[in-house]
Amino acid sequence: MVGGPVKQESTTENNSTSAGSSTKDAARKRSAKADLHELCAQEHWKQPVFECCNEEGPDHNKLFTFKVLVETEEESTAVLECFSNPRPNKKAAAEDAAEGALWCLKHMGYQLKKQ
């Protein structure tokens, strides 16, 4: 009897893990850059502008820093500028900057609406 419930729990865990990993896979497919673009469209702002603002290190081991500019238009125009941490490739640096911008916007009260 002890073996039965343990086996059942194990099966349940495996099923939830499978469902959880597919949910995580779906979440991974959405990048912070895509979410930031979508949030800007939702709020009727200009699209974010990404720029590589620093490259450091030797050619074989470069680190890139990106910044993202988000113009929020309300009563007065405000510009949010977020910088990434240095990353080993441009894509990761841009993603890091977008994550920072999304975090900041979330704390300012802006979030993507759930579909």
PDB file of N, CA and C in Angstrom:
ATOM      1  N   MET A   1       0.798  -1.179   0.000  1.00  0.00           N
ATOM      2  CA  MET A   1       0.000   0.000   0.000  1.00  0.00           C
ATOM      3  C   MET A   1       0.855   1.263   0.000  1.00  0.00           C
ATOM      4  N   VAL A   2       1.949   1.242   0.697  1.00  0.00           N
ATOM      5  CA  VAL A   2       2.837   2.395   0.715  1.00  0.00           C
ATOM      6  C   VAL A   2       3.425   2.611  -0.681  1.00  0.00           C
ATOM      7  N   GLY A   3       3.740   1.529  -1.372  1.00  0.00           N
ATOM      8  CA  GLY A   3       4.301   1.637  -2.720  1.00  0.00           C
ATOM      9  C   GLY A   3       3.306   2.232  -3.703  1.00  0.00           C
ATOM     10  N   GLY A   4       1.998   1.936  -3.545  1.00  0.00           N
ATOM     11  CA  GLY A   4       0.969   2.443  -4.457  1.00  0.00           C
ATOM     12  C   GLY A   4       0.898   3.952  -4.491  1.00  0.00           C
ATOM     13  N   PRO A   5       0.691   4.602  -3.329  1.00  0.00           N
ATOM     14  CA  PRO A   5       0.597   6.048  -3.342  1.00  0.00           C
ATOM     15  C   PRO A   5       1.886   6.710  -3.811  1.00  0.00           C
ATOM     16  N   VAL A   6       3.036   6.136  -3.445  1.00  0.00           N
ATOM     17  CA  VAL A   6       4.291   6.729  -3.884  1.00  0.00           C
ATOM     18  C   VAL A   6       4.370   6.669  -5.402  1.00  0.00           C
ATOM     19  N   LYS A   7       3.980   5.524  -5.957  1.00  0.00           N
ATOM     20  CA  LYS A   7       4.003   5.388  -7.406  1.00  0.00           C
ATOM     21  C   LYS A   7       3.027   6.376  -8.040  1.00  0.00           C
ATOM     22  N   GLN A   8       1.854   6.531  -7.427  1.00  0.00           N
ATOM     23  CA  GLN A   8       0.856   7.449  -7.952  1.00  0.00           C
ATOM     24  C   GLN A   8       1.377   8.880  -7.888  1.00  0.00           C
ATOM     25  N   GLU A   9       2.003   9.256  -6.772  1.00  0.00           N
ATOM     26  CA  GLU A   9       2.559  10.593  -6.650  1.00  0.00           C
ATOM     27  C   GLU A   9       3.656  10.802  -7.699  1.00  0.00           C
ATOM     28  N   SER A  10       4.450   9.784  -7.906  1.00  0.00           N
ATOM     29  CA  SER A  10       5.509   9.868  -8.891  1.00  0.00           C
ATOM     30  C   SER A  10       4.923  10.108 -10.278  1.00  0.00           C
ATOM     31  N   THR A  11       3.846   9.385 -10.602  1.00  0.00           N
ATOM     32  CA  THR A  11       3.196   9.556 -11.894  1.00  0.00           C
ATOM     33  C   THR A  11       2.624  10.960 -12.012  1.00  0.00           C
ATOM     34  N   THR A  12       2.000  11.433 -10.939  1.00  0.00           N
ATOM     35  CA  THR A  12       1.443  12.777 -10.941  1.00  0.00           C
ATOM     36  C   THR A  12       2.549  13.802 -11.128  1.00  0.00           C
ATOM     37  N   GLU A  13       3.666  13.596 -10.424  1.00  0.00           N
ATOM     38  CA  GLU A  13       4.789  14.508 -10.578  1.00  0.00           C
ATOM     39  C   GLU A  13       5.278  14.527 -12.012  1.00  0.00           C
ATOM     40  N   ASN A  14       5.414  13.341 -12.601  1.00  0.00           N
ATOM     41  CA  ASN A  14       5.892  13.280 -13.977  1.00  0.00           C
ATOM     42  C   ASN A  14       4.932  13.988 -14.916  1.00  0.00           C
ATOM     43  N   ASN A  15       3.625  13.805 -14.710  1.00  0.00           N
ATOM     44  CA  ASN A  15       2.655  14.476 -15.566  1.00  0.00           C
ATOM     45  C   ASN A  15       2.719  15.984 -15.381  1.00  0.00           C
ATOM     46  N   SER A  16       2.799  16.431 -14.121  1.00  0.00           N
ATOM     47  CA  SER A  16       2.849  17.873 -13.894  1.00  0.00           C
ATOM     48  C   SER A  16       4.173  18.441 -14.396  1.00  0.00           C
ATOM     49  N   THR A  17       5.238  17.663 -14.277  1.00  0.00           N
ATOM     50  CA  THR A  17       6.515  18.125 -14.796  1.00  0.00           C
ATOM     51  C   THR A  17       6.455  18.269 -16.295  1.00  0.00           C
ATOM     52  N   SER A  18       5.818  17.312 -16.961  1.00  0.00           N
ATOM     53  CA  SER A  18       5.691  17.403 -18.413  1.00  0.00           C
ATOM     54  C   SER A  18       4.870  18.622 -18.792  1.00  0.00           C
ATOM     55  N   ALA A  19       3.760  18.835 -18.092  1.00  0.00           N
ATOM     56  CA  ALA A  19       2.930  20.000 -18.377  1.00  0.00           C
ATOM     57  C   ALA A  19       3.677  21.269 -18.028  1.00  0.00           C
ATOM     58  N   GLY A  20       4.400  21.237 -16.906  1.00  0.00           N
ATOM     59  CA  GLY A  20       5.156  22.407 -16.478  1.00  0.00           C
ATOM     60  C   GLY A  20       6.260  22.751 -17.457  1.00  0.00           C
ATOM     61  N   SER A  21       6.943  21.738 -17.986  1.00  0.00           N
ATOM     62  CA  SER A  21       8.025  22.029 -18.909  1.00  0.00           C
ATOM     63  C   SER A  21       7.485  22.570 -20.222  1.00  0.00           C
ATOM     64  N   SER A  22       6.304  22.107 -20.651  1.00  0.00           N
ATOM     65  CA  SER A  22       5.758  22.671 -21.874  1.00  0.00           C
ATOM     66  C   SER A  22       5.310  24.103 -21.635  1.00  0.00           C
ATOM     67  N   THR A  23       4.831  24.392 -20.426  1.00  0.00           N
ATOM     68  CA  THR A  23       4.476  25.765 -20.082  1.00  0.00           C
ATOM     69  C   THR A  23       5.736  26.614 -20.046  1.00  0.00           C
ATOM     70  N   LYS A  24       6.800  26.086 -19.457  1.00  0.00           N
ATOM     71  CA  LYS A  24       8.063  26.821 -19.416  1.00  0.00           C
ATOM     72  C   LYS A  24       8.604  27.027 -20.822  1.00  0.00           C
ATOM     73  N   ASP A  25       8.475  25.994 -21.687  1.00  0.00           N
ATOM     74  CA  ASP A  25       8.930  26.131 -23.062  1.00  0.00           C
ATOM     75  C   ASP A  25       8.157  27.237 -23.769  1.00  0.00           C
ATOM     76  N   ALA A  26       6.844  27.304 -23.550  1.00  0.00           N
ATOM     77  CA  ALA A  26       6.029  28.345 -24.164  1.00  0.00           C
ATOM     78  C   ALA A  26       6.444  29.707 -23.629  1.00  0.00           C
ATOM     79  N   ALA A  27       6.729  29.783 -22.338  1.00  0.00           N
ATOM     80  CA  ALA A  27       7.150  31.047 -21.744  1.00  0.00           C
ATOM     81  C   ALA A  27       8.524  31.450 -22.277  1.00  0.00           C
ATOM     82  N   ARG A  28       9.384  30.477 -22.494  1.00  0.00           N
ATOM     83  CA  ARG A  28      10.721  30.768 -23.009  1.00  0.00           C
ATOM     84  C   ARG A  28      10.660  31.309 -24.437  1.00  0.00           C
ATOM     85  N   LYS A  29       9.670  30.913 -25.204  1.00  0.00           N
ATOM     86  CA  LYS A  29       9.559  31.363 -26.585  1.00  0.00           C
ATOM     87  C   LYS A  29       9.262  32.855 -26.648  1.00  0.00           C
ATOM     88  N   ARG A  30       8.614  33.395 -25.606  1.00  0.00           N
ATOM     89  CA  ARG A  30       8.332  34.825 -25.541  1.00  0.00           C
ATOM     90  C   ARG A  30       9.551  35.519 -24.957  1.00  0.00           C
ATOM     91  N   SER A  31      10.160  36.364 -25.732  1.00  0.00           N
ATOM     92  CA  SER A  31      11.320  37.085 -25.227  1.00  0.00           C
ATOM     93  C   SER A  31      10.872  38.377 -24.552  1.00  0.00           C
ATOM     94  N   ALA A  32      11.733  38.904 -23.729  1.00  0.00           N
ATOM     95  CA  ALA A  32      11.457  40.185 -23.082  1.00  0.00           C
ATOM     96  C   ALA A  32      11.359  41.281 -24.142  1.00  0.00           C
ATOM     97  N   LYS A  33      12.160  41.170 -25.199  1.00  0.00           N
ATOM     98  CA  LYS A  33      12.080  42.152 -26.280  1.00  0.00           C
ATOM     99  C   LYS A  33      10.696  42.133 -26.919  1.00  0.00           C
ATOM    100  N   ALA A  34      10.169  40.945 -27.173  1.00  0.00           N
ATOM    101  CA  ALA A  34       8.833  40.826 -27.787  1.00  0.00           C
ATOM    102  C   ALA A  34       7.775  41.393 -26.849  1.00  0.00           C
ATOM    103  N   ASP A  35       7.899  41.078 -25.558  1.00  0.00           N
ATOM    104  CA  ASP A  35       6.936  41.597 -24.582  1.00  0.00           C
ATOM    105  C   ASP A  35       7.010  43.124 -24.502  1.00  0.00           C
ATOM    106  N   LEU A  36       8.205  43.674 -24.566  1.00  0.00           N
ATOM    107  CA  LEU A  36       8.355  45.126 -24.508  1.00  0.00           C
ATOM    108  C   LEU A  36       7.737  45.782 -25.742  1.00  0.00           C
ATOM    109  N   HIS A  37       7.965  45.189 -26.906  1.00  0.00           N
ATOM    110  CA  HIS A  37       7.348  45.709 -28.140  1.00  0.00           C
ATOM    111  C   HIS A  37       5.824  45.661 -28.026  1.00  0.00           C
ATOM    112  N   GLU A  38       5.307  44.552 -27.503  1.00  0.00           N
ATOM    113  CA  GLU A  38       3.865  44.402 -27.369  1.00  0.00           C
ATOM    114  C   GLU A  38       3.290  45.406 -26.366  1.00  0.00           C
ATOM    115  N   LEU A  39       3.989  45.628 -25.255  1.00  0.00           N
ATOM    116  CA  LEU A  39       3.532  46.590 -24.258  1.00  0.00           C
ATOM    117  C   LEU A  39       3.491  48.005 -24.851  1.00  0.00           C
ATOM    118  N   CYS A  40       4.509  48.355 -25.619  1.00  0.00           N
ATOM    119  CA  CYS A  40       4.533  49.671 -26.256  1.00  0.00           C
ATOM    120  C   CYS A  40       3.357  49.831 -27.229  1.00  0.00           C
ATOM    121  N   ALA A  41       3.058  48.800 -27.991  1.00  0.00           N
ATOM    122  CA  ALA A  41       1.916  48.844 -28.909  1.00  0.00           C
ATOM    123  C   ALA A  41       0.614  48.966 -28.124  1.00  0.00           C
ATOM    124  N   GLN A  42       0.496  48.201 -27.055  1.00  0.00           N
ATOM    125  CA  GLN A  42      -0.705  48.214 -26.211  1.00  0.00           C
ATOM    126  C   GLN A  42      -0.954  49.610 -25.634  1.00  0.00           C
ATOM    127  N   GLU A  43       0.119  50.290 -25.229  1.00  0.00           N
ATOM    128  CA  GLU A  43      -0.004  51.613 -24.606  1.00  0.00           C
ATOM    129  C   GLU A  43       0.027  52.756 -25.627  1.00  0.00           C
ATOM    130  N   HIS A  44       0.148  52.405 -26.924  1.00  0.00           N
ATOM    131  CA  HIS A  44       0.207  53.384 -28.017  1.00  0.00           C
ATOM    132  C   HIS A  44       1.427  54.293 -27.902  1.00  0.00           C
ATOM    133  N   TRP A  45       2.570  53.683 -27.524  1.00  0.00           N
ATOM    134  CA  TRP A  45       3.833  54.390 -27.459  1.00  0.00           C
ATOM    135  C   TRP A  45       4.630  54.056 -28.705  1.00  0.00           C
ATOM    136  N   LYS A  46       5.681  54.835 -28.943  1.00  0.00           N
ATOM    137  CA  LYS A  46       6.615  54.477 -30.009  1.00  0.00           C
ATOM    138  C   LYS A  46       7.279  53.163 -29.633  1.00  0.00           C
ATOM    139  N   GLN A  47       7.732  52.414 -30.643  1.00  0.00           N
ATOM    140  CA  GLN A  47       8.408  51.155 -30.375  1.00  0.00           C
ATOM    141  C   GLN A  47       9.753  51.425 -29.691  1.00  0.00           C
ATOM    142  N   PRO A  48      10.200  50.514 -28.834  1.00  0.00           N
ATOM    143  CA  PRO A  48      11.483  50.716 -28.140  1.00  0.00           C
ATOM    144  C   PRO A  48      12.648  50.707 -29.121  1.00  0.00           C
ATOM    145  N   VAL A  49      13.676  51.455 -28.762  1.00  0.00           N
ATOM    146  CA  VAL A  49      14.879  51.534 -29.592  1.00  0.00           C
ATOM    147  C   VAL A  49      16.023  50.888 -28.822  1.00  0.00           C
ATOM    148  N   PHE A  50      16.631  49.869 -29.423  1.00  0.00           N
ATOM    149  CA  PHE A  50      17.758  49.154 -28.812  1.00  0.00           C
ATOM    150  C   PHE A  50      19.047  49.617 -29.474  1.00  0.00           C
ATOM    151  N   GLU A  51      20.078  49.802 -28.660  1.00  0.00           N
ATOM    152  CA  GLU A  51      21.361  50.260 -29.180  1.00  0.00           C
ATOM    153  C   GLU A  51      22.496  49.623 -28.389  1.00  0.00           C
ATOM    154  N   CYS A  52      23.496  49.123 -29.116  1.00  0.00           N
ATOM    155  CA  CYS A  52      24.695  48.617 -28.461  1.00  0.00           C
ATOM    156  C   CYS A  52      25.532  49.836 -28.085  1.00  0.00           C
ATOM    157  N   CYS A  53      25.689  50.060 -26.788  1.00  0.00           N
ATOM    158  CA  CYS A  53      26.371  51.282 -26.354  1.00  0.00           C
ATOM    159  C   CYS A  53      27.795  51.027 -25.856  1.00  0.00           C
ATOM    160  N   ASN A  54      28.189  49.762 -25.726  1.00  0.00           N
ATOM    161  CA  ASN A  54      29.552  49.485 -25.277  1.00  0.00           C
ATOM    162  C   ASN A  54      29.966  48.072 -25.680  1.00  0.00           C
ATOM    163  N   GLU A  55      31.184  47.969 -26.188  1.00  0.00           N
ATOM    164  CA  GLU A  55      31.821  46.681 -26.469  1.00  0.00           C
ATOM    165  C   GLU A  55      33.164  46.715 -25.756  1.00  0.00           C
ATOM    166  N   GLU A  56      33.420  45.690 -24.963  1.00  0.00           N
ATOM    167  CA  GLU A  56      34.694  45.672 -24.254  1.00  0.00           C
ATOM    168  C   GLU A  56      35.299  44.276 -24.307  1.00  0.00           C
ATOM    169  N   GLY A  57      36.597  44.235 -24.182  1.00  0.00           N
ATOM    170  CA  GLY A  57      37.306  42.966 -24.172  1.00  0.00           C
ATOM    171  C   GLY A  57      37.924  42.645 -25.518  1.00  0.00           C
ATOM    172  N   PRO A  58      38.787  41.628 -25.521  1.00  0.00           N
ATOM    173  CA  PRO A  58      39.435  41.221 -26.766  1.00  0.00           C
ATOM    174  C   PRO A  58      38.421  40.607 -27.732  1.00  0.00           C
ATOM    175  N   ASP A  59      38.771  40.564 -29.011  1.00  0.00           N
ATOM    176  CA  ASP A  59      37.861  40.060 -30.044  1.00  0.00           C
ATOM    177  C   ASP A  59      37.314  38.668 -29.731  1.00  0.00           C
ATOM    178  N   HIS A  60      38.111  37.825 -29.139  1.00  0.00           N
ATOM    179  CA  HIS A  60      37.677  36.451 -28.870  1.00  0.00           C
ATOM    180  C   HIS A  60      36.831  36.331 -27.599  1.00  0.00           C
ATOM    181  N   ASN A  61      36.708  37.425 -26.844  1.00  0.00           N
ATOM    182  CA  ASN A  61      35.982  37.354 -25.569  1.00  0.00           C
ATOM    183  C   ASN A  61      35.285  38.690 -25.267  1.00  0.00           C
ATOM    184  N   LYS A  62      34.560  39.215 -26.264  1.00  0.00           N
ATOM    185  CA  LYS A  62      33.905  40.515 -26.111  1.00  0.00           C
ATOM    186  C   LYS A  62      32.694  40.424 -25.191  1.00  0.00           C
ATOM    187  N   LEU A  63      32.420  41.533 -24.532  1.00  0.00           N
ATOM    188  CA  LEU A  63      31.207  41.709 -23.741  1.00  0.00           C
ATOM    189  C   LEU A  63      30.471  42.921 -24.296  1.00  0.00           C
ATOM    190  N   PHE A  64      29.160  42.786 -24.452  1.00  0.00           N
ATOM    191  CA  PHE A  64      28.339  43.834 -25.037  1.00  0.00           C
ATOM    192  C   PHE A  64      27.371  44.386 -24.002  1.00  0.00           C
ATOM    193  N   THR A  65      27.194  45.701 -24.033  1.00  0.00           N
ATOM    194  CA  THR A  65      26.207  46.349 -23.186  1.00  0.00           C
ATOM    195  C   THR A  65      25.219  47.062 -24.099  1.00  0.00           C
ATOM    196  N   PHE A  66      23.941  46.821 -23.890  1.00  0.00           N
ATOM    197  CA  PHE A  66      22.889  47.442 -24.693  1.00  0.00           C
ATOM    198  C   PHE A  66      22.090  48.396 -23.830  1.00  0.00           C
ATOM    199  N   LYS A  67      21.487  49.363 -24.487  1.00  0.00           N
ATOM    200  CA  LYS A  67      20.506  50.202 -23.806  1.00  0.00           C
ATOM    201  C   LYS A  67      19.231  50.174 -24.630  1.00  0.00           C
ATOM    202  N   VAL A  68      18.124  50.367 -23.951  1.00  0.00           N
ATOM    203  CA  VAL A  68      16.838  50.443 -24.629  1.00  0.00           C
ATOM    204  C   VAL A  68      16.182  51.744 -24.197  1.00  0.00           C
ATOM    205  N   LEU A  69      15.607  52.442 -25.165  1.00  0.00           N
ATOM    206  CA  LEU A  69      14.879  53.676 -24.908  1.00  0.00           C
ATOM    207  C   LEU A  69      13.402  53.432 -25.173  1.00  0.00           C
ATOM    208  N   VAL A  70      12.575  53.798 -24.204  1.00  0.00           N
ATOM    209  CA  VAL A  70      11.128  53.672 -24.359  1.00  0.00           C
ATOM    210  C   VAL A  70      10.540  55.053 -24.097  1.00  0.00           C
ATOM    211  N   GLU A  71       9.879  55.609 -25.110  1.00  0.00           N
ATOM    212  CA  GLU A  71       9.222  56.906 -24.943  1.00  0.00           C
ATOM    213  C   GLU A  71       7.788  56.665 -24.513  1.00  0.00           C
ATOM    214  N   THR A  72       7.478  57.088 -23.311  1.00  0.00           N
ATOM    215  CA  THR A  72       6.108  56.975 -22.814  1.00  0.00           C
ATOM    216  C   THR A  72       5.455  58.342 -22.977  1.00  0.00           C
ATOM    217  N   GLU A  73       4.318  58.350 -23.622  1.00  0.00           N
ATOM    218  CA  GLU A  73       3.631  59.618 -23.865  1.00  0.00           C
ATOM    219  C   GLU A  73       2.424  59.718 -22.952  1.00  0.00           C
ATOM    220  N   GLU A  74       2.495  60.628 -22.037  1.00  0.00           N
ATOM    221  CA  GLU A  74       1.383  60.899 -21.145  1.00  0.00           C
ATOM    222  C   GLU A  74       1.152  62.400 -21.188  1.00  0.00           C
ATOM    223  N   GLU A  75       0.943  63.016 -20.042  1.00  0.00           N
ATOM    224  CA  GLU A  75       0.771  64.470 -19.991  1.00  0.00           C
ATOM    225  C   GLU A  75       2.026  65.157 -20.531  1.00  0.00           C
ATOM    226  N   SER A  76       3.161  64.643 -20.145  1.00  0.00           N
ATOM    227  CA  SER A  76       4.423  65.121 -20.710  1.00  0.00           C
ATOM    228  C   SER A  76       5.180  63.903 -21.202  1.00  0.00           C
ATOM    229  N   THR A  77       6.022  64.106 -22.182  1.00  0.00           N
ATOM    230  CA  THR A  77       6.773  62.976 -22.725  1.00  0.00           C
ATOM    231  C   THR A  77       7.889  62.591 -21.762  1.00  0.00           C
ATOM    232  N   ALA A  78       7.956  61.322 -21.459  1.00  0.00           N
ATOM    233  CA  ALA A  78       9.019  60.800 -20.600  1.00  0.00           C
ATOM    234  C   ALA A  78       9.763  59.716 -21.366  1.00  0.00           C
ATOM    235  N   VAL A  79      11.057  59.635 -21.144  1.00  0.00           N
ATOM    236  CA  VAL A  79      11.872  58.625 -21.800  1.00  0.00           C
ATOM    237  C   VAL A  79      12.478  57.733 -20.724  1.00  0.00           C
ATOM    238  N   LEU A  80      12.233  56.443 -20.863  1.00  0.00           N
ATOM    239  CA  LEU A  80      12.826  55.454 -19.967  1.00  0.00           C
ATOM    240  C   LEU A  80      14.056  54.892 -20.670  1.00  0.00           C
ATOM    241  N   GLU A  81      15.193  54.915 -19.998  1.00  0.00           N
ATOM    242  CA  GLU A  81      16.439  54.417 -20.565  1.00  0.00           C
ATOM    243  C   GLU A  81      16.985  53.342 -19.635  1.00  0.00           C
ATOM    244  N   CYS A  82      17.111  52.120 -20.133  1.00  0.00           N
ATOM    245  CA  CYS A  82      17.616  51.006 -19.327  1.00  0.00           C
ATOM    246  C   CYS A  82      18.836  50.401 -19.999  1.00  0.00           C
ATOM    247  N   PHE A  83      19.816  50.071 -19.181  1.00  0.00           N
ATOM    248  CA  PHE A  83      21.056  49.474 -19.664  1.00  0.00           C
ATOM    249  C   PHE A  83      21.138  48.019 -19.221  1.00  0.00           C
ATOM    250  N   SER A  84      21.751  47.205 -20.062  1.00  0.00           N
ATOM    251  CA  SER A  84      21.966  45.803 -19.707  1.00  0.00           C
ATOM    252  C   SER A  84      23.248  45.670 -18.911  1.00  0.00           C
ATOM    253  N   ASN A  85      23.397  44.514 -18.289  1.00  0.00           N
ATOM    254  CA  ASN A  85      24.699  44.122 -17.763  1.00  0.00           C
ATOM    255  C   ASN A  85      25.527  43.672 -18.951  1.00  0.00           C
ATOM    256  N   PRO A  86      26.838  43.716 -18.866  1.00  0.00           N
ATOM    257  CA  PRO A  86      27.660  43.207 -19.974  1.00  0.00           C
ATOM    258  C   PRO A  86      27.367  41.722 -20.218  1.00  0.00           C
ATOM    259  N   ARG A  87      27.140  41.370 -21.479  1.00  0.00           N
ATOM    260  CA  ARG A  87      26.811  39.991 -21.864  1.00  0.00           C
ATOM    261  C   ARG A  87      27.729  39.545 -23.000  1.00  0.00           C
ATOM    262  N   PRO A  88      27.910  38.222 -23.140  1.00  0.00           N
ATOM    263  CA  PRO A  88      28.840  37.714 -24.150  1.00  0.00           C
ATOM    264  C   PRO A  88      28.340  37.821 -25.592  1.00  0.00           C
ATOM    265  N   ASN A  89      27.048  38.106 -25.794  1.00  0.00           N
ATOM    266  CA  ASN A  89      26.582  38.315 -27.166  1.00  0.00           C
ATOM    267  C   ASN A  89      25.523  39.412 -27.185  1.00  0.00           C
ATOM    268  N   LYS A  90      25.315  39.979 -28.356  1.00  0.00           N
ATOM    269  CA  LYS A  90      24.417  41.133 -28.491  1.00  0.00           C
ATOM    270  C   LYS A  90      22.973  40.768 -28.178  1.00  0.00           C
ATOM    271  N   LYS A  91      22.548  39.589 -28.581  1.00  0.00           N
ATOM    272  CA  LYS A  91      21.170  39.171 -28.346  1.00  0.00           C
ATOM    273  C   LYS A  91      20.879  39.095 -26.841  1.00  0.00           C
ATOM    274  N   ALA A  92      21.780  38.511 -26.080  1.00  0.00           N
ATOM    275  CA  ALA A  92      21.598  38.393 -24.630  1.00  0.00           C
ATOM    276  C   ALA A  92      21.619  39.764 -23.967  1.00  0.00           C
ATOM    277  N   ALA A  93      22.467  40.662 -24.463  1.00  0.00           N
ATOM    278  CA  ALA A  93      22.539  42.008 -23.893  1.00  0.00           C
ATOM    279  C   ALA A  93      21.251  42.783 -24.157  1.00  0.00           C
ATOM    280  N   ALA A  94      20.721  42.680 -25.365  1.00  0.00           N
ATOM    281  CA  ALA A  94      19.467  43.362 -25.702  1.00  0.00           C
ATOM    282  C   ALA A  94      18.319  42.794 -24.869  1.00  0.00           C
ATOM    283  N   GLU A  95      18.298  41.487 -24.690  1.00  0.00           N
ATOM    284  CA  GLU A  95      17.266  40.838 -23.888  1.00  0.00           C
ATOM    285  C   GLU A  95      17.342  41.303 -22.430  1.00  0.00           C
ATOM    286  N   ASP A  96      18.539  41.427 -21.914  1.00  0.00           N
ATOM    287  CA  ASP A  96      18.738  41.881 -20.538  1.00  0.00           C
ATOM    288  C   ASP A  96      18.241  43.321 -20.360  1.00  0.00           C
ATOM    289  N   ALA A  97      18.520  44.178 -21.334  1.00  0.00           N
ATOM    290  CA  ALA A  97      18.044  45.563 -21.273  1.00  0.00           C
ATOM    291  C   ALA A  97      16.515  45.599 -21.309  1.00  0.00           C
ATOM    292  N   ALA A  98      15.914  44.764 -22.150  1.00  0.00           N
ATOM    293  CA  ALA A  98      14.449  44.705 -22.247  1.00  0.00           C
ATOM    294  C   ALA A  98      13.837  44.223 -20.933  1.00  0.00           C
ATOM    295  N   GLU A  99      14.470  43.230 -20.298  1.00  0.00           N
ATOM    296  CA  GLU A  99      13.982  42.738 -19.002  1.00  0.00           C
ATOM    297  C   GLU A  99      14.002  43.859 -17.959  1.00  0.00           C
ATOM    298  N   GLY A 100      15.056  44.661 -17.976  1.00  0.00           N
ATOM    299  CA  GLY A 100      15.153  45.787 -17.051  1.00  0.00           C
ATOM    300  C   GLY A 100      14.063  46.817 -17.300  1.00  0.00           C
ATOM    301  N   ALA A 101      13.799  47.103 -18.568  1.00  0.00           N
ATOM    302  CA  ALA A 101      12.754  48.068 -18.913  1.00  0.00           C
ATOM    303  C   ALA A 101      11.382  47.542 -18.486  1.00  0.00           C
ATOM    304  N   LEU A 102      11.126  46.264 -18.730  1.00  0.00           N
ATOM    305  CA  LEU A 102       9.841  45.676 -18.323  1.00  0.00           C
ATOM    306  C   LEU A 102       9.674  45.718 -16.807  1.00  0.00           C
ATOM    307  N   TRP A 103      10.752  45.441 -16.074  1.00  0.00           N
ATOM    308  CA  TRP A 103      10.682  45.486 -14.615  1.00  0.00           C
ATOM    309  C   TRP A 103      10.315  46.895 -14.153  1.00  0.00           C
ATOM    310  N   CYS A 104      10.987  47.883 -14.718  1.00  0.00           N
ATOM    311  CA  CYS A 104      10.750  49.271 -14.349  1.00  0.00           C
ATOM    312  C   CYS A 104       9.315  49.690 -14.696  1.00  0.00           C
ATOM    313  N   LEU A 105       8.866  49.358 -15.890  1.00  0.00           N
ATOM    314  CA  LEU A 105       7.508  49.715 -16.320  1.00  0.00           C
ATOM    315  C   LEU A 105       6.457  49.028 -15.452  1.00  0.00           C
ATOM    316  N   LYS A 106       6.727  47.789 -15.062  1.00  0.00           N
ATOM    317  CA  LYS A 106       5.801  47.069 -14.189  1.00  0.00           C
ATOM    318  C   LYS A 106       5.636  47.821 -12.869  1.00  0.00           C
ATOM    319  N   HIS A 107       6.744  48.308 -12.331  1.00  0.00           N
ATOM    320  CA  HIS A 107       6.696  49.024 -11.061  1.00  0.00           C
ATOM    321  C   HIS A 107       6.143  50.443 -11.217  1.00  0.00           C
ATOM    322  N   MET A 108       6.017  50.895 -12.442  1.00  0.00           N
ATOM    323  CA  MET A 108       5.367  52.178 -12.713  1.00  0.00           C
ATOM    324  C   MET A 108       3.871  51.975 -12.986  1.00  0.00           C
ATOM    325  N   GLY A 109       3.444  50.700 -13.001  1.00  0.00           N
ATOM    326  CA  GLY A 109       2.030  50.401 -13.187  1.00  0.00           C
ATOM    327  C   GLY A 109       1.638  49.953 -14.581  1.00  0.00           C
ATOM    328  N   TYR A 110       2.616  49.699 -15.457  1.00  0.00           N
ATOM    329  CA  TYR A 110       2.324  49.249 -16.820  1.00  0.00           C
ATOM    330  C   TYR A 110       2.638  47.761 -16.949  1.00  0.00           C
ATOM    331  N   GLN A 111       1.661  46.992 -17.417  1.00  0.00           N
ATOM    332  CA  GLN A 111       1.866  45.564 -17.634  1.00  0.00           C
ATOM    333  C   GLN A 111       1.119  45.136 -18.885  1.00  0.00           C
ATOM    334  N   LEU A 112       1.597  44.046 -19.477  1.00  0.00           N
ATOM    335  CA  LEU A 112       0.876  43.452 -20.599  1.00  0.00           C
ATOM    336  C   LEU A 112      -0.454  42.905 -20.106  1.00  0.00           C
ATOM    337  N   LYS A 113      -1.483  43.139 -20.868  1.00  0.00           N
ATOM    338  CA  LYS A 113      -2.778  42.577 -20.519  1.00  0.00           C
ATOM    339  C   LYS A 113      -2.785  41.112 -20.907  1.00  0.00           C
ATOM    340  N   LYS A 114      -3.306  40.271 -20.036  1.00  0.00           N
ATOM    341  CA  LYS A 114      -3.400  38.836 -20.307  1.00  0.00           C
ATOM    342  C   LYS A 114      -4.433  38.615 -21.392  1.00  0.00           C
ATOM    343  N   GLN A 115      -4.130  37.694 -22.307  1.00  0.00           N
ATOM    344  CA  GLN A 115      -5.068  37.396 -23.388  1.00  0.00           C
ATOM    345  C   GLN A 115      -5.962  36.250 -23.046  1.00  0.00           C
TER     346      GLN A 115
END
